[in-house]
Amino acid sequence: MFKKFFAETNSALVIVIFTVVVLLLCYAILLNVLNRYGKNPKYLIPLSAVKKISSPLLLILGSIMLRVASLRELLGMDEYEYWFKKASTLVFIFAGTWLVLNVLKITKRRIMERYDVDDSDNLKARKVATQFNILERIAIFVVVIIAMGLALMSFESIREIGVSIFASAGVAGIIIGLSAQKMIGTILAGIQIAIAQPIKLDDVVIVEGEWGRIEEITLTYVVIKIWDKRRLVVPTTYFIEQPFQNWTKSSADLVGSVMLYTDYQVPFEALRQELGKILEATDLWDGEVQNIQVTDSKAGHMEVRALMSAKDASSTWDLRVHVREQLITFLQRNYPESLAHYRLYVKNMPEGKNMLPKKPL
């Protein structure tokens, strides 16, 4: 009975069954190991990501199964050996690419879980997010190109065509290189932004006279969300070649200023006390900086600067608007003569009357 079962006609079936069992056993062991590591939070692979890894792993094992000669013998398709092996190679390349891309995404998500971009002091989180977003796109681009190259090079005819093209592509390569230098420069600028980080995600910048936040950074362009919800799209080379303002490059907190143009009779001490009261009464102030300074003087008015600090750019803007409104209201109610105005001087008038009347600006 056993001799008949292991006869030549059934040996292929036995080998196929044995191979399937071995591959499934390997798959089960690998999944068990991944699940064990996934339950431990100190490891990189979370339990939720095991399914994303298991699918391409199963496909890789399937590609190995396609190379088993006994499978072709069992199906009576020995003459299609070339196509079985070619399909196995292509499936293996596809599954391997899928696995690498999934691992990249899992790694990025796992690392980014340690940083909160929505936090008020999110400088480090924005640095990491910017680097990973750009480097992830570069890695995906490189992996896909390599996978496509390996898939095409697996065909001998295409390989021969490729060698012949490379052998005679001197002039064509120079022409293509000159034509594509702007695109290459843009991609290199994207890589430089990822490394040097002149800008980061959620940075507050002024570009082309527009105030906004960095919303998206790609290899070739940057999207800036303007304060009025418009989107400004500029090439990555702009941030390498052109000057721009970055309000949050080194820290999220900012010092804001409010300019007031007043008469020479303005009471500075009363103005300083009022600024302190305004700042103490609002949650926008971070308690770090407050000051009143005279920064310039003209024939008809003085330039008074009020300084205050806040935890981030949005709070700084709101605080500046609030302080400006409150200080102007304070001067209007209590010291109207301190508002900037013209003086009219008339000759031959009794002394002491040349200061009146006064005309507000």
Protein backbone atom coordinates (compact mmCIF):
# COMPACT_ATOMS: atom_id res chain seq x y z
CA MET A 1 0.00 0.00 0.00
CA PHE A 2 2.77 2.44 0.98
CA LYS A 3 4.80 1.40 -2.04
CA LYS A 4 1.87 2.18 -4.28
CA PHE A 5 1.26 5.54 -2.53
CA PHE A 6 4.90 6.54 -2.91
CA ALA A 7 5.01 5.37 -6.47
CA GLU A 8 6.34 7.69 -9.13
CA THR A 9 2.89 9.00 -10.05
CA ASN A 10 2.21 10.15 -6.49
CA SER A 11 5.68 11.37 -5.53
CA ALA A 12 4.99 14.85 -6.97
CA LEU A 13 1.82 15.18 -4.89
CA VAL A 14 3.68 14.14 -1.75
CA ILE A 15 6.44 16.69 -2.37
CA VAL A 16 3.90 19.43 -3.06
CA ILE A 17 1.95 18.63 0.12
CA PHE A 18 5.18 18.46 2.13
CA THR A 19 6.35 21.82 0.71
CA VAL A 20 3.00 23.47 1.47
CA VAL A 21 3.07 22.13 5.02
CA VAL A 22 6.64 23.39 5.55
CA LEU A 23 5.84 26.82 4.13
CA LEU A 24 2.67 27.13 6.23
CA LEU A 25 4.62 26.02 9.30
CA CYS A 26 7.26 28.67 8.64
CA TYR A 27 4.51 31.24 8.13
CA ALA A 28 2.81 30.25 11.40
CA ILE A 29 6.10 30.39 13.34
CA LEU A 30 6.93 33.81 11.87
CA LEU A 31 3.48 35.17 12.70
CA ASN A 32 3.77 33.82 16.24
CA VAL A 33 7.12 35.57 16.69
CA LEU A 34 5.70 38.84 15.31
CA ASN A 35 2.68 38.60 17.60
CA ARG A 36 4.90 38.01 20.62
CA TYR A 37 7.01 41.06 19.82
CA GLY A 38 3.90 43.07 18.94
CA LYS A 39 2.47 42.59 22.43
CA ASN A 40 5.57 44.10 23.99
CA PRO A 41 5.45 47.92 23.66
CA LYS A 42 9.23 48.31 23.68
CA TYR A 43 9.53 46.67 20.24
CA LEU A 44 9.04 48.53 16.98
CA ILE A 45 6.39 46.24 15.48
CA PRO A 46 2.97 46.92 17.05
CA LEU A 47 0.37 44.19 17.18
CA SER A 48 -1.89 46.09 14.77
CA ALA A 49 0.83 46.07 12.10
CA VAL A 50 1.30 42.29 12.02
CA LYS A 51 -1.54 41.88 9.50
CA LYS A 52 0.10 44.38 7.14
CA ILE A 53 3.32 42.38 7.25
CA SER A 54 1.71 38.95 7.10
CA SER A 55 0.06 39.45 3.68
CA PRO A 56 3.28 40.16 1.73
CA LEU A 57 5.06 37.40 3.70
CA LEU A 58 2.41 34.92 2.58
CA LEU A 59 2.88 36.10 -1.00
CA ILE A 60 6.65 35.59 -0.72
CA LEU A 61 6.09 32.02 0.45
CA GLY A 62 3.69 31.55 -2.46
CA SER A 63 6.37 32.70 -4.92
CA ILE A 64 8.71 30.07 -3.47
CA MET A 65 5.99 27.46 -3.98
CA LEU A 66 5.79 28.34 -7.69
CA ARG A 67 9.42 27.26 -8.14
CA VAL A 68 8.80 23.73 -6.87
CA ALA A 69 9.23 21.35 -9.83
CA SER A 70 6.80 18.85 -8.36
CA LEU A 71 3.98 21.41 -8.66
CA ARG A 72 4.49 21.62 -12.41
CA GLU A 73 4.75 17.84 -12.60
CA LEU A 74 1.52 17.45 -10.63
CA LEU A 75 -0.29 19.90 -12.91
CA GLY A 76 1.20 18.31 -16.02
CA MET A 77 2.81 21.60 -17.07
CA ASP A 78 6.51 20.74 -17.18
CA GLU A 79 6.89 22.50 -20.53
CA TYR A 80 5.95 25.81 -18.85
CA GLU A 81 8.91 25.78 -16.49
CA TYR A 82 10.19 29.14 -17.80
CA TRP A 83 6.88 30.89 -17.15
CA PHE A 84 6.51 29.36 -13.68
CA LYS A 85 9.96 30.59 -12.70
CA LYS A 86 9.34 33.98 -14.28
CA ALA A 87 6.03 34.33 -12.42
CA SER A 88 7.77 33.29 -9.20
CA THR A 89 10.43 35.99 -9.69
CA LEU A 90 7.89 38.71 -10.45
CA VAL A 91 5.65 37.74 -7.51
CA PHE A 92 8.69 37.67 -5.20
CA ILE A 93 9.78 41.17 -6.35
CA PHE A 94 6.24 42.52 -5.95
CA ALA A 95 5.79 40.96 -2.50
CA GLY A 96 9.23 42.10 -1.36
CA THR A 97 8.49 45.68 -2.47
CA TRP A 98 5.13 45.56 -0.72
CA LEU A 99 6.79 44.30 2.47
CA VAL A 100 9.50 46.99 2.42
CA LEU A 101 6.94 49.78 1.87
CA ASN A 102 4.75 48.49 4.70
CA VAL A 103 7.75 48.29 7.03
CA LEU A 104 8.65 51.90 6.15
CA LYS A 105 5.13 53.10 6.94
CA ILE A 106 4.97 51.11 10.19
CA THR A 107 8.35 52.47 11.27
CA LYS A 108 7.31 56.05 10.54
CA ARG A 109 3.99 55.69 12.36
CA ARG A 110 5.63 54.00 15.34
CA ILE A 111 8.25 56.72 15.74
CA MET A 112 5.77 59.58 15.19
CA GLU A 113 3.57 58.21 17.99
CA ARG A 114 6.21 59.45 20.42
CA TYR A 115 5.80 63.06 19.26
CA ASP A 116 2.73 65.28 19.45
CA VAL A 117 2.65 67.81 16.61
CA ASP A 118 -0.44 69.46 18.13
CA ASP A 119 1.41 70.31 21.34
CA SER A 120 2.18 73.99 21.93
CA ASP A 121 5.92 73.30 22.24
CA ASN A 122 6.14 71.04 19.20
CA LEU A 123 9.47 72.06 17.67
CA LYS A 124 11.08 68.63 17.93
CA ALA A 125 7.91 66.88 16.73
CA ARG A 126 7.76 69.11 13.66
CA LYS A 127 11.43 68.45 12.90
CA VAL A 128 10.93 64.69 13.04
CA ALA A 129 7.68 64.85 11.04
CA THR A 130 9.31 66.94 8.31
CA GLN A 131 12.30 64.61 7.99
CA PHE A 132 10.21 61.46 7.93
CA ASN A 133 7.65 62.82 5.45
CA ILE A 134 10.31 63.79 2.92
CA LEU A 135 12.62 60.83 3.49
CA GLU A 136 9.64 58.45 3.28
CA ARG A 137 8.75 59.80 -0.16
CA ILE A 138 12.39 59.46 -1.27
CA ALA A 139 12.57 55.88 0.03
CA ILE A 140 9.28 54.91 -1.64
CA PHE A 141 10.46 56.42 -4.93
CA VAL A 142 13.81 54.60 -4.77
CA VAL A 143 12.28 51.24 -3.73
CA VAL A 144 9.66 51.35 -6.50
CA ILE A 145 12.26 52.29 -9.14
CA ILE A 146 14.56 49.47 -8.00
CA ALA A 147 11.67 46.99 -8.01
CA MET A 148 10.63 48.01 -11.52
CA GLY A 149 14.22 47.76 -12.69
CA LEU A 150 14.63 44.27 -11.21
CA ALA A 151 11.33 43.13 -12.73
CA LEU A 152 12.27 44.39 -16.19
CA MET A 153 15.84 43.09 -15.98
CA SER A 154 14.53 39.62 -15.22
CA PHE A 155 13.55 39.38 -18.90
CA GLU A 156 16.63 38.63 -21.00
CA SER A 157 15.30 40.41 -24.09
CA ILE A 158 14.69 43.61 -22.14
CA ARG A 159 18.09 43.26 -20.48
CA GLU A 160 19.79 43.12 -23.88
CA ILE A 161 17.83 46.14 -25.09
CA GLY A 162 18.82 48.02 -21.96
CA VAL A 163 22.51 47.23 -22.42
CA SER A 164 22.39 48.38 -26.04
CA ILE A 165 20.59 51.58 -25.06
CA PHE A 166 23.15 52.32 -22.33
CA ALA A 167 25.96 51.69 -24.81
CA SER A 168 24.63 54.26 -27.30
CA ALA A 169 23.08 56.79 -24.91
CA GLY A 170 25.98 59.20 -24.47
CA VAL A 171 24.58 62.15 -26.40
CA ALA A 172 20.98 61.37 -25.42
CA GLY A 173 21.98 61.23 -21.77
CA ILE A 174 23.59 64.67 -21.97
CA ILE A 175 20.50 66.15 -23.65
CA ILE A 176 18.13 64.56 -21.12
CA GLY A 177 20.36 65.66 -18.25
CA LEU A 178 20.34 69.29 -19.43
CA SER A 179 16.57 69.18 -19.94
CA ALA A 180 15.92 67.67 -16.54
CA GLN A 181 18.34 69.77 -14.50
CA LYS A 182 15.54 71.90 -13.04
CA MET A 183 13.60 68.82 -11.97
CA ILE A 184 16.75 67.26 -10.48
CA GLY A 185 17.54 70.54 -8.73
CA THR A 186 14.03 70.64 -7.26
CA ILE A 187 14.33 67.07 -5.95
CA LEU A 188 17.77 67.82 -4.47
CA ALA A 189 16.30 70.93 -2.82
CA GLY A 190 13.62 68.71 -1.24
CA ILE A 191 16.34 66.42 0.13
CA GLN A 192 18.28 69.43 1.43
CA ILE A 193 15.15 70.72 3.22
CA ALA A 194 14.74 67.31 4.89
CA ILE A 195 18.33 67.42 6.17
CA ALA A 196 19.02 71.13 6.88
CA GLN A 197 15.37 71.97 7.72
CA PRO A 198 15.13 75.70 6.92
CA ILE A 199 11.39 75.00 7.16
CA LYS A 200 9.37 72.38 9.02
CA LEU A 201 5.77 71.29 9.04
CA ASP A 202 3.55 73.82 10.83
CA ASP A 203 6.26 76.51 10.76
CA VAL A 204 4.95 80.07 10.63
CA VAL A 205 6.49 81.83 7.64
CA ILE A 206 6.15 84.97 5.56
CA VAL A 207 6.62 84.17 1.88
CA GLU A 208 5.96 86.60 -0.96
CA GLY A 209 4.47 88.98 1.60
CA GLU A 210 1.95 86.37 2.80
CA TRP A 211 1.68 85.15 6.41
CA GLY A 212 0.89 81.46 6.79
CA ARG A 213 1.87 78.01 8.03
CA ILE A 214 3.74 75.22 6.25
CA GLU A 215 1.00 72.68 5.55
CA GLU A 216 2.76 70.16 3.28
CA ILE A 217 6.32 69.51 2.12
CA THR A 218 6.98 67.25 -0.87
CA LEU A 219 10.09 66.56 -2.92
CA THR A 220 9.18 69.20 -5.50
CA TYR A 221 6.89 71.78 -3.88
CA VAL A 222 5.73 73.23 -0.55
CA VAL A 223 2.14 74.16 0.32
CA ILE A 224 1.64 77.15 2.65
CA LYS A 225 -1.74 77.66 4.30
CA ILE A 226 -2.39 81.41 4.32
CA TRP A 227 -4.24 82.95 7.29
CA ASP A 228 -7.36 83.53 5.14
CA LYS A 229 -7.44 79.81 4.11
CA ARG A 230 -5.84 80.33 0.71
CA ARG A 231 -3.00 78.00 -0.30
CA LEU A 232 0.32 79.29 -1.62
CA VAL A 233 2.27 76.65 -3.56
CA VAL A 234 5.97 77.32 -4.18
CA PRO A 235 8.78 75.06 -5.46
CA THR A 236 11.18 73.64 -2.88
CA THR A 237 14.03 75.55 -4.54
CA TYR A 238 12.43 78.79 -3.33
CA PHE A 239 13.40 78.03 0.29
CA ILE A 240 17.01 77.36 -0.76
CA GLU A 241 17.50 80.30 -3.14
CA GLN A 242 15.16 83.07 -1.87
CA PRO A 243 15.04 84.94 1.46
CA PHE A 244 11.95 84.41 3.60
CA GLN A 245 10.88 84.84 7.22
CA ASN A 246 10.53 81.81 9.51
CA TRP A 247 9.01 82.84 12.82
CA THR A 248 9.27 79.41 14.47
CA LYS A 249 12.56 77.94 13.22
CA SER A 250 14.28 77.61 16.59
CA SER A 251 11.33 77.75 19.00
CA ALA A 252 7.56 78.01 19.00
CA ASP A 253 7.36 80.97 21.39
CA LEU A 254 7.56 84.47 19.93
CA VAL A 255 7.94 88.08 21.06
CA GLY A 256 5.33 90.32 19.48
CA SER A 257 5.33 94.08 19.14
CA VAL A 258 2.66 96.76 18.88
CA MET A 259 3.52 100.19 17.45
CA LEU A 260 1.71 103.29 18.73
CA TYR A 261 2.20 106.78 17.30
CA THR A 262 1.54 109.29 20.07
CA ASP A 263 2.01 112.89 21.05
CA TYR A 264 4.98 113.97 23.18
CA GLN A 265 2.64 114.38 26.15
CA VAL A 266 1.98 110.63 26.47
CA PRO A 267 2.53 109.39 30.09
CA PHE A 268 4.98 106.47 29.75
CA GLU A 269 4.62 105.18 33.29
CA ALA A 270 0.83 105.03 33.04
CA LEU A 271 1.18 103.27 29.69
CA ARG A 272 3.55 100.66 31.20
CA GLN A 273 1.17 99.99 34.08
CA GLU A 274 -1.78 99.63 31.72
CA LEU A 275 0.18 97.17 29.53
CA GLY A 276 0.88 95.04 32.61
CA LYS A 277 -2.81 95.02 33.55
CA ILE A 278 -3.83 94.04 30.00
CA LEU A 279 -1.34 91.18 29.85
CA GLU A 280 -2.19 89.87 33.31
CA ALA A 281 -5.86 89.72 32.35
CA THR A 282 -5.39 87.51 29.25
CA ASP A 283 -4.40 83.85 28.86
CA LEU A 284 -2.60 84.64 25.58
CA TRP A 285 0.45 86.05 27.42
CA ASP A 286 3.03 83.49 28.56
CA GLY A 287 4.38 85.69 31.38
CA GLU A 288 7.86 86.11 29.90
CA VAL A 289 8.23 89.49 28.17
CA GLN A 290 6.51 92.87 28.62
CA ASN A 291 7.91 96.32 28.03
CA ILE A 292 7.23 99.80 26.67
CA GLN A 293 9.96 101.50 24.60
CA VAL A 294 10.23 104.72 22.60
CA THR A 295 11.80 103.56 19.36
CA ASP A 296 11.63 106.77 17.29
CA SER A 297 10.64 110.45 17.44
CA LYS A 298 9.43 112.66 14.63
CA ALA A 299 8.46 116.33 14.44
CA GLY A 300 4.79 115.60 15.00
CA HIS A 301 4.74 112.31 16.96
CA MET A 302 6.70 109.63 18.80
CA GLU A 303 6.87 105.94 17.97
CA VAL A 304 6.13 103.84 21.07
CA ARG A 305 6.66 100.08 20.94
CA ALA A 306 4.92 97.68 23.29
CA LEU A 307 6.58 94.26 23.61
CA MET A 308 4.90 91.06 24.78
CA SER A 309 5.50 87.33 24.36
CA ALA A 310 3.27 84.32 23.70
CA LYS A 311 3.65 80.55 23.45
CA ASP A 312 3.20 80.30 19.66
CA ALA A 313 2.66 82.36 16.52
CA SER A 314 -1.14 82.23 16.55
CA SER A 315 -1.28 83.37 20.18
CA THR A 316 1.24 86.12 19.44
CA TRP A 317 -0.90 87.48 16.63
CA ASP A 318 -4.06 87.44 18.74
CA LEU A 319 -2.21 89.02 21.68
CA ARG A 320 -0.84 91.85 19.52
CA VAL A 321 -4.30 92.66 18.19
CA HIS A 322 -5.76 92.60 21.71
CA VAL A 323 -3.03 94.79 23.24
CA ARG A 324 -3.19 97.34 20.40
CA GLU A 325 -6.94 97.74 20.82
CA GLN A 326 -6.77 98.01 24.62
CA LEU A 327 -3.92 100.55 24.66
CA ILE A 328 -5.62 102.80 22.12
CA THR A 329 -8.87 102.63 24.13
CA PHE A 330 -6.91 103.47 27.30
CA LEU A 331 -5.38 106.59 25.71
CA GLN A 332 -8.71 107.68 24.22
CA ARG A 333 -10.49 107.50 27.57
CA ASN A 334 -7.81 108.78 29.91
CA TYR A 335 -5.24 110.76 27.91
CA PRO A 336 -6.85 112.02 24.68
CA GLU A 337 -4.19 114.73 24.43
CA SER A 338 -1.61 111.93 24.05
CA LEU A 339 -2.97 110.88 20.65
CA ALA A 340 -0.94 112.18 17.74
CA HIS A 341 -2.27 115.51 16.39
CA TYR A 342 -1.23 118.65 14.56
CA ARG A 343 -0.46 121.91 16.42
CA LEU A 344 -1.36 125.24 14.85
CA TYR A 345 0.88 128.17 15.84
CA VAL A 346 -0.42 131.69 15.08
CA LYS A 347 1.82 134.76 15.45
CA ASN A 348 0.90 137.73 17.61
CA MET A 349 -1.43 135.70 19.80
CA PRO A 350 -1.19 136.07 23.59
CA GLU A 351 1.43 133.79 25.11
CA GLY A 352 0.11 130.44 26.28
CA LYS A 353 -2.71 130.25 23.71
CA ASN A 354 -0.66 128.97 20.79
CA MET A 355 -1.08 125.38 21.93
CA LEU A 356 -4.82 125.50 21.07
CA PRO A 357 -6.86 124.51 19.25
CA LYS A 358 -5.57 121.00 18.56
CA LYS A 359 -6.53 118.90 15.57
CA PRO A 360 -6.37 115.11 15.86
CA LEU A 361 -4.66 113.28 13.02
